[in-house]
Amino acid sequence: MVDWTDVAGILIYPIALLGVPVPGGDVANLVDALVAANVTTKPKTHLIGFSMGAHVAGTAGSLLAPKVGRITGLDAGGPGYNPFDLDNWLDKSDAVFVDGIHTCGGYLGYAGRYAHVDFYPNKGEPIQPACAGKLTPVCSHLESFRMFARTITNPTRYPASNSTSWSSFVNGGCAINSAAYMGEGVSPST
């Protein structure tokens, strides 16, 4: 676990956002040190980041060669996200396999696709079912890591459908692919 509250804890969001490259570089250095100490290999390394932390993981991944095996973005931070400046943002070039779980898209999380596979539980927007009765989108944002955590002990908890749009899914136009599961157990071939 990487504690980057010195940067992330800044209450002025744009300033915290500008600080993402610093912990991203630190994470890249940590991965290199762990590989050099024969603790792990880059193909076996899985970086997981929540909100702006997803972009920290992406920044680290962009600095590493060869690439780490996997990065998971848990409702990657949306405000300020610039898909044309990918050096400091999580995208599918940052690891061999990148997956994203969107639970507060268009609010606190980025709604667009950035990964090899993007999951949009319950449309990927607030209010997530576990957050019913809560008017703030924060609960839905936090639900991304709660959902991911549930898949560690139950990797088939969230079956996914391949779909081009939410309306197509709702209208039954998407085939259920029982081999595709959101979370820890997702296959890189998804």
N, C-alpha and C. Protein backbone atom coordinates (compact mmCIF):
# COMPACT_ATOMS: atom_id res chain seq x y z
N MET A 1 0.85 -1.17 0.00
CA MET A 1 0.00 0.00 0.00
C MET A 1 0.89 1.23 0.00
N VAL A 2 0.48 2.22 -0.74
CA VAL A 2 1.23 3.47 -0.82
C VAL A 2 0.39 4.57 -0.21
N ASP A 3 0.93 5.23 0.79
CA ASP A 3 0.24 6.35 1.43
C ASP A 3 0.74 7.64 0.78
N TRP A 4 -0.15 8.28 0.05
CA TRP A 4 0.22 9.54 -0.61
C TRP A 4 -0.71 10.67 -0.16
N THR A 5 -1.09 10.62 1.12
CA THR A 5 -2.00 11.64 1.65
C THR A 5 -1.39 13.03 1.66
N ASP A 6 -0.05 13.13 1.65
CA ASP A 6 0.56 14.45 1.58
C ASP A 6 0.12 15.19 0.32
N VAL A 7 -0.13 14.44 -0.75
CA VAL A 7 -0.59 15.04 -2.01
C VAL A 7 -2.11 14.94 -2.12
N ALA A 8 -2.64 13.73 -1.94
CA ALA A 8 -4.08 13.50 -2.12
C ALA A 8 -4.92 14.23 -1.08
N GLY A 9 -4.34 14.51 0.08
CA GLY A 9 -5.09 15.15 1.14
C GLY A 9 -5.25 16.65 0.99
N ILE A 10 -4.63 17.22 -0.04
CA ILE A 10 -4.78 18.66 -0.27
C ILE A 10 -6.24 18.92 -0.65
N LEU A 11 -6.87 19.83 0.05
CA LEU A 11 -8.29 20.06 -0.14
C LEU A 11 -8.62 20.82 -1.42
N ILE A 12 -7.64 21.37 -2.08
CA ILE A 12 -7.87 22.08 -3.34
C ILE A 12 -7.60 21.08 -4.45
N TYR A 13 -8.68 20.51 -5.00
CA TYR A 13 -8.59 19.39 -5.93
C TYR A 13 -7.62 19.62 -7.09
N PRO A 14 -7.66 20.75 -7.80
CA PRO A 14 -6.74 20.93 -8.93
C PRO A 14 -5.26 20.86 -8.52
N ILE A 15 -4.95 21.32 -7.32
CA ILE A 15 -3.56 21.25 -6.85
C ILE A 15 -3.19 19.80 -6.56
N ALA A 16 -4.09 19.06 -5.92
CA ALA A 16 -3.84 17.64 -5.66
C ALA A 16 -3.67 16.89 -6.97
N LEU A 17 -4.47 17.22 -7.95
CA LEU A 17 -4.40 16.57 -9.26
C LEU A 17 -3.04 16.80 -9.92
N LEU A 18 -2.52 18.01 -9.80
CA LEU A 18 -1.20 18.31 -10.37
C LEU A 18 -0.09 17.54 -9.67
N GLY A 19 -0.36 17.06 -8.46
CA GLY A 19 0.64 16.31 -7.71
C GLY A 19 0.73 14.84 -8.04
N VAL A 20 -0.18 14.32 -8.87
CA VAL A 20 -0.22 12.89 -9.19
C VAL A 20 1.12 12.34 -9.71
N PRO A 21 1.88 13.05 -10.55
CA PRO A 21 3.12 12.47 -11.06
C PRO A 21 4.16 12.11 -9.99
N VAL A 22 4.17 12.83 -8.86
CA VAL A 22 5.18 12.56 -7.83
C VAL A 22 4.98 11.18 -7.21
N PRO A 23 3.80 10.86 -6.66
CA PRO A 23 3.65 9.50 -6.13
C PRO A 23 3.68 8.44 -7.24
N GLY A 24 3.28 8.81 -8.45
CA GLY A 24 3.38 7.87 -9.56
C GLY A 24 4.82 7.45 -9.80
N GLY A 25 5.73 8.41 -9.76
CA GLY A 25 7.16 8.10 -9.89
C GLY A 25 7.67 7.28 -8.72
N ASP A 26 7.17 7.59 -7.52
CA ASP A 26 7.57 6.82 -6.33
C ASP A 26 7.11 5.37 -6.44
N VAL A 27 5.89 5.15 -6.93
CA VAL A 27 5.39 3.78 -7.10
C VAL A 27 6.22 3.04 -8.14
N ALA A 28 6.58 3.71 -9.22
CA ALA A 28 7.42 3.09 -10.24
C ALA A 28 8.77 2.69 -9.64
N ASN A 29 9.35 3.56 -8.83
CA ASN A 29 10.62 3.24 -8.17
C ASN A 29 10.47 2.06 -7.21
N LEU A 30 9.35 2.02 -6.50
CA LEU A 30 9.08 0.90 -5.58
C LEU A 30 8.99 -0.42 -6.34
N VAL A 31 8.26 -0.42 -7.45
CA VAL A 31 8.15 -1.64 -8.26
C VAL A 31 9.52 -2.08 -8.75
N ASP A 32 10.30 -1.14 -9.26
CA ASP A 32 11.66 -1.47 -9.72
C ASP A 32 12.50 -2.06 -8.59
N ALA A 33 12.38 -1.48 -7.38
CA ALA A 33 13.15 -1.99 -6.24
C ALA A 33 12.69 -3.39 -5.85
N LEU A 34 11.39 -3.65 -5.87
CA LEU A 34 10.88 -4.99 -5.55
C LEU A 34 11.33 -6.02 -6.58
N VAL A 35 11.36 -5.62 -7.83
CA VAL A 35 11.83 -6.52 -8.88
C VAL A 35 13.33 -6.79 -8.71
N ALA A 36 14.10 -5.73 -8.43
CA ALA A 36 15.55 -5.89 -8.24
C ALA A 36 15.88 -6.78 -7.04
N ALA A 37 15.01 -6.74 -6.02
CA ALA A 37 15.21 -7.57 -4.83
C ALA A 37 14.64 -8.98 -4.99
N ASN A 38 14.17 -9.30 -6.19
CA ASN A 38 13.58 -10.61 -6.49
C ASN A 38 12.35 -10.93 -5.64
N VAL A 39 11.62 -9.88 -5.24
CA VAL A 39 10.38 -10.06 -4.50
C VAL A 39 9.24 -10.40 -5.45
N THR A 40 9.30 -9.82 -6.64
CA THR A 40 8.27 -10.05 -7.65
C THR A 40 8.88 -9.85 -9.03
N THR A 41 8.04 -10.02 -10.04
CA THR A 41 8.43 -9.68 -11.41
C THR A 41 7.39 -8.71 -11.94
N LYS A 42 7.73 -7.98 -12.97
CA LYS A 42 6.75 -7.03 -13.51
C LYS A 42 5.51 -7.73 -14.07
N PRO A 43 5.66 -8.87 -14.77
CA PRO A 43 4.44 -9.53 -15.25
C PRO A 43 3.49 -9.97 -14.12
N LYS A 44 4.02 -10.22 -12.92
CA LYS A 44 3.18 -10.65 -11.79
C LYS A 44 2.67 -9.48 -10.96
N THR A 45 3.08 -8.26 -11.29
CA THR A 45 2.70 -7.09 -10.51
C THR A 45 1.34 -6.57 -10.94
N HIS A 46 0.46 -6.33 -9.95
CA HIS A 46 -0.88 -5.81 -10.18
C HIS A 46 -1.02 -4.54 -9.32
N LEU A 47 -1.09 -3.39 -9.98
CA LEU A 47 -1.31 -2.12 -9.29
C LEU A 47 -2.80 -1.83 -9.29
N ILE A 48 -3.31 -1.38 -8.15
CA ILE A 48 -4.73 -1.06 -8.01
C ILE A 48 -4.83 0.35 -7.43
N GLY A 49 -5.60 1.20 -8.08
CA GLY A 49 -5.74 2.56 -7.59
C GLY A 49 -7.18 3.01 -7.62
N PHE A 50 -7.56 3.76 -6.60
CA PHE A 50 -8.91 4.30 -6.48
C PHE A 50 -8.90 5.81 -6.74
N SER A 51 -9.84 6.28 -7.55
CA SER A 51 -10.03 7.69 -7.85
C SER A 51 -8.74 8.28 -8.43
N MET A 52 -8.16 9.30 -7.81
CA MET A 52 -6.90 9.84 -8.31
C MET A 52 -5.79 8.80 -8.20
N GLY A 53 -5.92 7.89 -7.25
CA GLY A 53 -4.93 6.82 -7.10
C GLY A 53 -4.84 5.94 -8.33
N ALA A 54 -5.93 5.83 -9.09
CA ALA A 54 -5.88 5.09 -10.35
C ALA A 54 -4.92 5.77 -11.32
N HIS A 55 -4.92 7.10 -11.31
CA HIS A 55 -4.01 7.84 -12.18
C HIS A 55 -2.57 7.78 -11.67
N VAL A 56 -2.39 7.66 -10.36
CA VAL A 56 -1.06 7.42 -9.80
C VAL A 56 -0.54 6.08 -10.33
N ALA A 57 -1.39 5.05 -10.30
CA ALA A 57 -1.00 3.73 -10.83
C ALA A 57 -0.69 3.82 -12.32
N GLY A 58 -1.50 4.58 -13.06
CA GLY A 58 -1.27 4.75 -14.49
C GLY A 58 0.04 5.48 -14.77
N THR A 59 0.33 6.50 -13.97
CA THR A 59 1.59 7.22 -14.13
C THR A 59 2.76 6.30 -13.86
N ALA A 60 2.66 5.50 -12.79
CA ALA A 60 3.72 4.53 -12.49
C ALA A 60 3.88 3.55 -13.65
N GLY A 61 2.77 3.04 -14.14
CA GLY A 61 2.82 2.09 -15.26
C GLY A 61 3.47 2.67 -16.49
N SER A 62 3.21 3.95 -16.76
CA SER A 62 3.78 4.57 -17.96
C SER A 62 5.29 4.75 -17.84
N LEU A 63 5.81 4.76 -16.62
CA LEU A 63 7.24 4.94 -16.39
C LEU A 63 8.03 3.63 -16.38
N LEU A 64 7.31 2.51 -16.31
CA LEU A 64 7.98 1.21 -16.18
C LEU A 64 8.16 0.51 -17.52
N ALA A 65 9.33 -0.06 -17.69
CA ALA A 65 9.59 -0.88 -18.87
C ALA A 65 10.41 -2.08 -18.40
N PRO A 66 10.01 -3.30 -18.65
CA PRO A 66 8.75 -3.62 -19.32
C PRO A 66 7.56 -3.27 -18.43
N LYS A 67 6.39 -3.34 -19.02
CA LYS A 67 5.16 -2.97 -18.32
C LYS A 67 4.81 -3.99 -17.24
N VAL A 68 4.08 -3.50 -16.21
CA VAL A 68 3.54 -4.42 -15.21
C VAL A 68 2.43 -5.23 -15.85
N GLY A 69 2.10 -6.35 -15.22
CA GLY A 69 1.09 -7.24 -15.79
C GLY A 69 -0.31 -6.66 -15.81
N ARG A 70 -0.67 -5.92 -14.74
CA ARG A 70 -2.05 -5.44 -14.66
C ARG A 70 -2.16 -4.18 -13.82
N ILE A 71 -3.06 -3.31 -14.23
CA ILE A 71 -3.48 -2.16 -13.43
C ILE A 71 -5.00 -2.16 -13.41
N THR A 72 -5.57 -2.00 -12.22
CA THR A 72 -7.02 -1.87 -12.08
C THR A 72 -7.33 -0.47 -11.60
N GLY A 73 -8.17 0.23 -12.33
CA GLY A 73 -8.64 1.55 -11.95
C GLY A 73 -10.00 1.42 -11.29
N LEU A 74 -10.10 1.82 -10.05
CA LEU A 74 -11.36 1.78 -9.32
C LEU A 74 -11.98 3.17 -9.34
N ASP A 75 -12.95 3.35 -10.22
CA ASP A 75 -13.61 4.62 -10.47
C ASP A 75 -12.57 5.74 -10.59
N ALA A 76 -11.71 5.57 -11.59
CA ALA A 76 -10.63 6.54 -11.83
C ALA A 76 -11.19 7.96 -11.83
N GLY A 77 -10.49 8.85 -11.14
CA GLY A 77 -10.93 10.23 -10.98
C GLY A 77 -11.31 10.88 -12.30
N GLY A 78 -12.46 11.52 -12.31
CA GLY A 78 -12.96 12.13 -13.53
C GLY A 78 -12.71 13.62 -13.67
N PRO A 79 -12.96 14.41 -12.61
CA PRO A 79 -12.75 15.85 -12.77
C PRO A 79 -11.31 16.17 -13.15
N GLY A 80 -11.16 16.89 -14.24
CA GLY A 80 -9.84 17.26 -14.71
C GLY A 80 -9.19 16.26 -15.64
N TYR A 81 -9.82 15.10 -15.83
CA TYR A 81 -9.24 14.06 -16.69
C TYR A 81 -9.13 14.57 -18.12
N ASN A 82 -7.96 14.43 -18.69
CA ASN A 82 -7.72 14.87 -20.06
C ASN A 82 -7.25 13.68 -20.88
N PRO A 83 -8.12 13.09 -21.70
CA PRO A 83 -7.74 11.90 -22.46
C PRO A 83 -6.67 12.16 -23.52
N PHE A 84 -6.31 13.42 -23.72
CA PHE A 84 -5.27 13.75 -24.70
C PHE A 84 -3.90 13.95 -24.04
N ASP A 85 -3.85 13.88 -22.71
CA ASP A 85 -2.60 13.99 -21.96
C ASP A 85 -2.44 12.72 -21.14
N LEU A 86 -2.07 11.64 -21.81
CA LEU A 86 -2.09 10.33 -21.16
C LEU A 86 -0.86 10.03 -20.31
N ASP A 87 0.12 10.90 -20.25
CA ASP A 87 1.28 10.63 -19.41
C ASP A 87 0.92 10.55 -17.94
N ASN A 88 -0.04 11.34 -17.50
CA ASN A 88 -0.39 11.39 -16.08
C ASN A 88 -1.79 10.86 -15.78
N TRP A 89 -2.33 10.08 -16.69
CA TRP A 89 -3.67 9.53 -16.52
C TRP A 89 -3.64 8.05 -16.86
N LEU A 90 -4.46 7.29 -16.20
CA LEU A 90 -4.53 5.86 -16.47
C LEU A 90 -5.14 5.63 -17.85
N ASP A 91 -4.48 4.79 -18.64
CA ASP A 91 -5.02 4.36 -19.93
C ASP A 91 -4.45 2.98 -20.23
N LYS A 92 -4.97 2.36 -21.28
CA LYS A 92 -4.62 0.97 -21.55
C LYS A 92 -3.18 0.74 -22.00
N SER A 93 -2.42 1.79 -22.23
CA SER A 93 -1.02 1.61 -22.59
C SER A 93 -0.12 1.47 -21.35
N ASP A 94 -0.67 1.62 -20.15
CA ASP A 94 0.13 1.65 -18.93
C ASP A 94 0.49 0.29 -18.36
N ALA A 95 -0.14 -0.78 -18.85
CA ALA A 95 0.14 -2.14 -18.37
C ALA A 95 -0.21 -3.12 -19.48
N VAL A 96 0.21 -4.33 -19.30
CA VAL A 96 -0.15 -5.37 -20.27
C VAL A 96 -1.67 -5.50 -20.32
N PHE A 97 -2.33 -5.41 -19.15
CA PHE A 97 -3.79 -5.47 -19.07
C PHE A 97 -4.27 -4.43 -18.09
N VAL A 98 -5.22 -3.60 -18.54
CA VAL A 98 -5.82 -2.57 -17.69
C VAL A 98 -7.33 -2.80 -17.67
N ASP A 99 -7.88 -2.87 -16.45
CA ASP A 99 -9.33 -2.95 -16.31
C ASP A 99 -9.81 -1.81 -15.44
N GLY A 100 -11.04 -1.38 -15.69
CA GLY A 100 -11.60 -0.26 -14.95
C GLY A 100 -13.01 -0.57 -14.48
N ILE A 101 -13.32 -0.14 -13.28
CA ILE A 101 -14.67 -0.28 -12.72
C ILE A 101 -15.20 1.13 -12.51
N HIS A 102 -16.29 1.45 -13.20
CA HIS A 102 -16.90 2.79 -13.15
C HIS A 102 -18.17 2.73 -12.30
N THR A 103 -18.20 3.50 -11.22
CA THR A 103 -19.39 3.50 -10.37
C THR A 103 -19.95 4.90 -10.12
N CYS A 104 -19.23 5.93 -10.54
CA CYS A 104 -19.69 7.30 -10.33
C CYS A 104 -19.31 8.15 -11.54
N GLY A 105 -19.44 7.53 -12.72
CA GLY A 105 -19.05 8.18 -13.97
C GLY A 105 -19.80 9.47 -14.22
N GLY A 106 -19.06 10.48 -14.65
CA GLY A 106 -19.66 11.77 -14.95
C GLY A 106 -19.77 12.68 -13.74
N TYR A 107 -19.43 12.15 -12.58
CA TYR A 107 -19.49 12.94 -11.35
C TYR A 107 -18.09 12.99 -10.74
N LEU A 108 -17.78 12.01 -9.88
CA LEU A 108 -16.45 11.95 -9.28
C LEU A 108 -15.51 11.04 -10.07
N GLY A 109 -16.07 10.13 -10.84
CA GLY A 109 -15.29 9.21 -11.65
C GLY A 109 -15.38 9.56 -13.12
N TYR A 110 -14.38 9.11 -13.87
CA TYR A 110 -14.36 9.34 -15.31
C TYR A 110 -15.33 8.37 -15.98
N ALA A 111 -16.21 8.87 -16.84
CA ALA A 111 -17.24 8.04 -17.46
C ALA A 111 -16.75 7.34 -18.73
N GLY A 112 -15.74 7.89 -19.39
CA GLY A 112 -15.28 7.33 -20.65
C GLY A 112 -14.45 6.08 -20.48
N ARG A 113 -14.24 5.40 -21.60
CA ARG A 113 -13.42 4.19 -21.59
C ARG A 113 -11.94 4.56 -21.57
N TYR A 114 -11.17 3.86 -20.77
CA TYR A 114 -9.73 4.08 -20.72
C TYR A 114 -8.95 2.77 -20.64
N ALA A 115 -9.64 1.66 -20.47
CA ALA A 115 -8.99 0.38 -20.19
C ALA A 115 -9.17 -0.60 -21.35
N HIS A 116 -8.52 -1.75 -21.23
CA HIS A 116 -8.78 -2.83 -22.18
C HIS A 116 -10.21 -3.33 -22.00
N VAL A 117 -10.66 -3.36 -20.74
CA VAL A 117 -12.05 -3.70 -20.45
C VAL A 117 -12.55 -2.76 -19.35
N ASP A 118 -13.67 -2.10 -19.63
CA ASP A 118 -14.29 -1.17 -18.69
C ASP A 118 -15.61 -1.77 -18.24
N PHE A 119 -15.82 -1.82 -16.94
CA PHE A 119 -17.07 -2.34 -16.37
C PHE A 119 -17.89 -1.17 -15.84
N TYR A 120 -19.19 -1.20 -16.16
CA TYR A 120 -20.12 -0.15 -15.75
C TYR A 120 -21.26 -0.78 -14.94
N PRO A 121 -21.02 -1.20 -13.70
CA PRO A 121 -22.11 -1.78 -12.92
C PRO A 121 -23.23 -0.77 -12.71
N ASN A 122 -24.45 -1.23 -12.93
CA ASN A 122 -25.63 -0.38 -12.74
C ASN A 122 -25.50 0.94 -13.50
N LYS A 123 -25.04 0.84 -14.72
CA LYS A 123 -24.82 1.95 -15.65
C LYS A 123 -23.54 2.73 -15.36
N GLY A 124 -22.87 2.41 -14.26
CA GLY A 124 -21.62 3.09 -13.93
C GLY A 124 -21.78 4.48 -13.37
N GLU A 125 -22.99 4.81 -12.97
CA GLU A 125 -23.30 6.16 -12.48
C GLU A 125 -23.92 6.08 -11.10
N PRO A 126 -23.93 7.21 -10.36
CA PRO A 126 -24.67 7.22 -9.11
C PRO A 126 -26.17 7.28 -9.42
N ILE A 127 -26.96 6.82 -8.60
CA ILE A 127 -26.68 6.29 -7.28
C ILE A 127 -26.63 4.76 -7.40
N GLN A 128 -25.51 4.16 -6.92
CA GLN A 128 -25.38 2.72 -6.92
C GLN A 128 -26.37 2.13 -5.92
N PRO A 129 -26.89 0.91 -6.18
CA PRO A 129 -27.92 0.32 -5.30
C PRO A 129 -27.54 0.30 -3.82
N ALA A 130 -26.29 0.03 -3.50
CA ALA A 130 -25.87 -0.01 -2.09
C ALA A 130 -25.91 1.37 -1.45
N CYS A 131 -26.09 2.40 -2.26
CA CYS A 131 -26.08 3.78 -1.78
C CYS A 131 -27.46 4.41 -1.81
N ALA A 132 -28.49 3.60 -1.98
CA ALA A 132 -29.86 4.13 -2.03
C ALA A 132 -30.14 4.94 -0.77
N GLY A 133 -30.76 6.08 -0.97
CA GLY A 133 -31.09 6.96 0.15
C GLY A 133 -30.00 7.97 0.47
N LYS A 134 -28.85 7.82 -0.15
CA LYS A 134 -27.76 8.78 0.06
C LYS A 134 -27.73 9.71 -1.14
N LEU A 135 -27.87 10.98 -0.91
CA LEU A 135 -27.99 11.94 -2.00
C LEU A 135 -26.65 12.35 -2.60
N THR A 136 -25.58 12.07 -1.92
CA THR A 136 -24.26 12.46 -2.41
C THR A 136 -23.67 11.36 -3.30
N PRO A 137 -22.92 11.72 -4.34
CA PRO A 137 -22.29 10.70 -5.19
C PRO A 137 -21.07 10.03 -4.55
N VAL A 138 -20.63 10.52 -3.39
CA VAL A 138 -19.43 9.97 -2.76
C VAL A 138 -19.59 8.48 -2.48
N CYS A 139 -20.73 8.07 -1.97
CA CYS A 139 -20.96 6.65 -1.68
C CYS A 139 -20.79 5.81 -2.93
N SER A 140 -21.34 6.26 -4.04
CA SER A 140 -21.21 5.51 -5.30
C SER A 140 -19.76 5.45 -5.76
N HIS A 141 -19.02 6.51 -5.56
CA HIS A 141 -17.60 6.54 -5.90
C HIS A 141 -16.85 5.48 -5.09
N LEU A 142 -17.13 5.43 -3.79
CA LEU A 142 -16.49 4.46 -2.90
C LEU A 142 -16.92 3.03 -3.21
N GLU A 143 -18.07 2.86 -3.79
CA GLU A 143 -18.58 1.51 -4.08
C GLU A 143 -17.66 0.75 -5.03
N SER A 144 -16.87 1.43 -5.84
CA SER A 144 -15.97 0.74 -6.77
C SER A 144 -14.99 -0.16 -6.02
N PHE A 145 -14.38 0.33 -4.96
CA PHE A 145 -13.43 -0.53 -4.26
C PHE A 145 -14.13 -1.54 -3.37
N ARG A 146 -15.33 -1.23 -2.92
CA ARG A 146 -16.09 -2.23 -2.16
C ARG A 146 -16.46 -3.40 -3.07
N MET A 147 -16.91 -3.10 -4.29
CA MET A 147 -17.25 -4.17 -5.24
C MET A 147 -16.01 -5.01 -5.56
N PHE A 148 -14.90 -4.33 -5.82
CA PHE A 148 -13.68 -5.07 -6.14
C PHE A 148 -13.29 -5.97 -4.97
N ALA A 149 -13.35 -5.46 -3.75
CA ALA A 149 -12.98 -6.25 -2.57
C ALA A 149 -13.85 -7.51 -2.46
N ARG A 150 -15.13 -7.38 -2.78
CA ARG A 150 -16.02 -8.55 -2.71
C ARG A 150 -15.60 -9.65 -3.69
N THR A 151 -14.96 -9.27 -4.78
CA THR A 151 -14.58 -10.27 -5.78
C THR A 151 -13.32 -11.05 -5.39
N ILE A 152 -12.62 -10.60 -4.38
CA ILE A 152 -11.44 -11.35 -3.94
C ILE A 152 -11.85 -12.69 -3.34
N THR A 153 -12.93 -12.70 -2.58
CA THR A 153 -13.41 -13.97 -2.01
C THR A 153 -14.49 -14.61 -2.87
N ASN A 154 -15.08 -13.85 -3.79
CA ASN A 154 -16.13 -14.39 -4.66
C ASN A 154 -15.91 -13.87 -6.08
N PRO A 155 -14.98 -14.48 -6.82
CA PRO A 155 -14.61 -13.94 -8.13
C PRO A 155 -15.71 -13.98 -9.19
N THR A 156 -16.79 -14.72 -8.95
CA THR A 156 -17.88 -14.77 -9.93
C THR A 156 -19.10 -13.98 -9.46
N ARG A 157 -18.91 -13.10 -8.51
CA ARG A 157 -20.03 -12.33 -7.95
C ARG A 157 -20.68 -11.39 -8.97
N TYR A 158 -19.88 -10.82 -9.87
CA TYR A 158 -20.39 -9.83 -10.81
C TYR A 158 -20.18 -10.27 -12.26
N PRO A 159 -21.11 -11.08 -12.80
CA PRO A 159 -20.99 -11.46 -14.22
C PRO A 159 -21.25 -10.24 -15.10
N ALA A 160 -20.57 -10.20 -16.22
CA ALA A 160 -20.66 -9.03 -17.10
C ALA A 160 -21.15 -9.41 -18.48
N SER A 161 -21.79 -8.46 -19.13
CA SER A 161 -22.25 -8.60 -20.51
C SER A 161 -21.46 -7.66 -21.40
N ASN A 162 -21.09 -8.14 -22.55
CA ASN A 162 -20.44 -7.29 -23.54
C ASN A 162 -21.54 -6.51 -24.24
N SER A 163 -21.46 -5.19 -24.18
CA SER A 163 -22.52 -4.37 -24.74
C SER A 163 -21.95 -3.06 -25.29
N THR A 164 -22.62 -2.54 -26.27
CA THR A 164 -22.18 -1.27 -26.86
C THR A 164 -22.79 -0.06 -26.15
N SER A 165 -23.88 -0.28 -25.41
CA SER A 165 -24.52 0.83 -24.70
C SER A 165 -25.42 0.29 -23.60
N TRP A 166 -25.75 1.18 -22.65
CA TRP A 166 -26.64 0.79 -21.57
C TRP A 166 -28.04 0.49 -22.10
N SER A 167 -28.53 1.29 -23.03
CA SER A 167 -29.88 1.06 -23.56
C SER A 167 -29.95 -0.28 -24.29
N SER A 168 -28.90 -0.64 -25.00
CA SER A 168 -28.88 -1.94 -25.66
C SER A 168 -28.93 -3.06 -24.63
N PHE A 169 -28.21 -2.90 -23.53
CA PHE A 169 -28.23 -3.91 -22.46
C PHE A 169 -29.63 -4.03 -21.86
N VAL A 170 -30.23 -2.89 -21.50
CA VAL A 170 -31.54 -2.88 -20.87
C VAL A 170 -32.60 -3.50 -21.78
N ASN A 171 -32.47 -3.29 -23.07
CA ASN A 171 -33.44 -3.83 -24.03
C ASN A 171 -33.14 -5.25 -24.47
N GLY A 172 -32.19 -5.91 -23.81
CA GLY A 172 -31.91 -7.32 -24.10
C GLY A 172 -31.07 -7.54 -25.34
N GLY A 173 -30.40 -6.51 -25.82
CA GLY A 173 -29.61 -6.64 -27.04
C GLY A 173 -28.18 -7.09 -26.84
N CYS A 174 -27.82 -7.50 -25.63
CA CYS A 174 -26.44 -7.89 -25.35
C CYS A 174 -26.40 -9.34 -24.87
N ALA A 175 -25.51 -10.08 -25.43
CA ALA A 175 -25.38 -11.48 -25.03
C ALA A 175 -24.66 -11.57 -23.69
N ILE A 176 -25.19 -12.41 -22.81
CA ILE A 176 -24.53 -12.65 -21.53
C ILE A 176 -23.31 -13.53 -21.78
N ASN A 177 -22.18 -13.08 -21.32
CA ASN A 177 -20.95 -13.84 -21.46
C ASN A 177 -20.58 -14.31 -20.06
N SER A 178 -20.97 -15.53 -19.71
CA SER A 178 -20.78 -16.01 -18.35
C SER A 178 -19.30 -16.16 -17.98
N ALA A 179 -18.41 -16.11 -18.95
CA ALA A 179 -16.99 -16.25 -18.67
C ALA A 179 -16.35 -14.91 -18.32
N ALA A 180 -17.10 -13.82 -18.41
CA ALA A 180 -16.55 -12.50 -18.11
C ALA A 180 -17.07 -12.03 -16.76
N TYR A 181 -16.14 -11.82 -15.83
CA TYR A 181 -16.51 -11.38 -14.49
C TYR A 181 -15.73 -10.13 -14.14
N MET A 182 -16.41 -9.18 -13.54
CA MET A 182 -15.77 -7.94 -13.09
C MET A 182 -15.00 -8.22 -11.81
N GLY A 183 -13.84 -7.61 -11.69
CA GLY A 183 -13.09 -7.67 -10.43
C GLY A 183 -11.80 -8.44 -10.53
N GLU A 184 -11.37 -8.96 -9.40
CA GLU A 184 -10.08 -9.62 -9.29
C GLU A 184 -9.91 -10.74 -10.30
N GLY A 185 -10.96 -11.50 -10.57
CA GLY A 185 -10.85 -12.67 -11.43
C GLY A 185 -11.03 -12.41 -12.92
N VAL A 186 -11.11 -11.15 -13.35
CA VAL A 186 -11.32 -10.88 -14.77
C VAL A 186 -10.16 -11.45 -15.58
N SER A 187 -10.51 -12.06 -16.68
CA SER A 187 -9.48 -12.61 -17.56
C SER A 187 -8.95 -11.53 -18.50
N PRO A 188 -7.64 -11.50 -18.70
CA PRO A 188 -7.07 -10.53 -19.65
C PRO A 188 -7.58 -10.74 -21.08
N SER A 189 -8.18 -11.88 -21.35
CA SER A 189 -8.72 -12.11 -22.70
C SER A 189 -10.13 -11.56 -22.85
N THR A 190 -10.69 -10.97 -21.79
CA THR A 190 -12.05 -10.43 -21.84
C THR A 190 -12.11 -9.28 -22.82
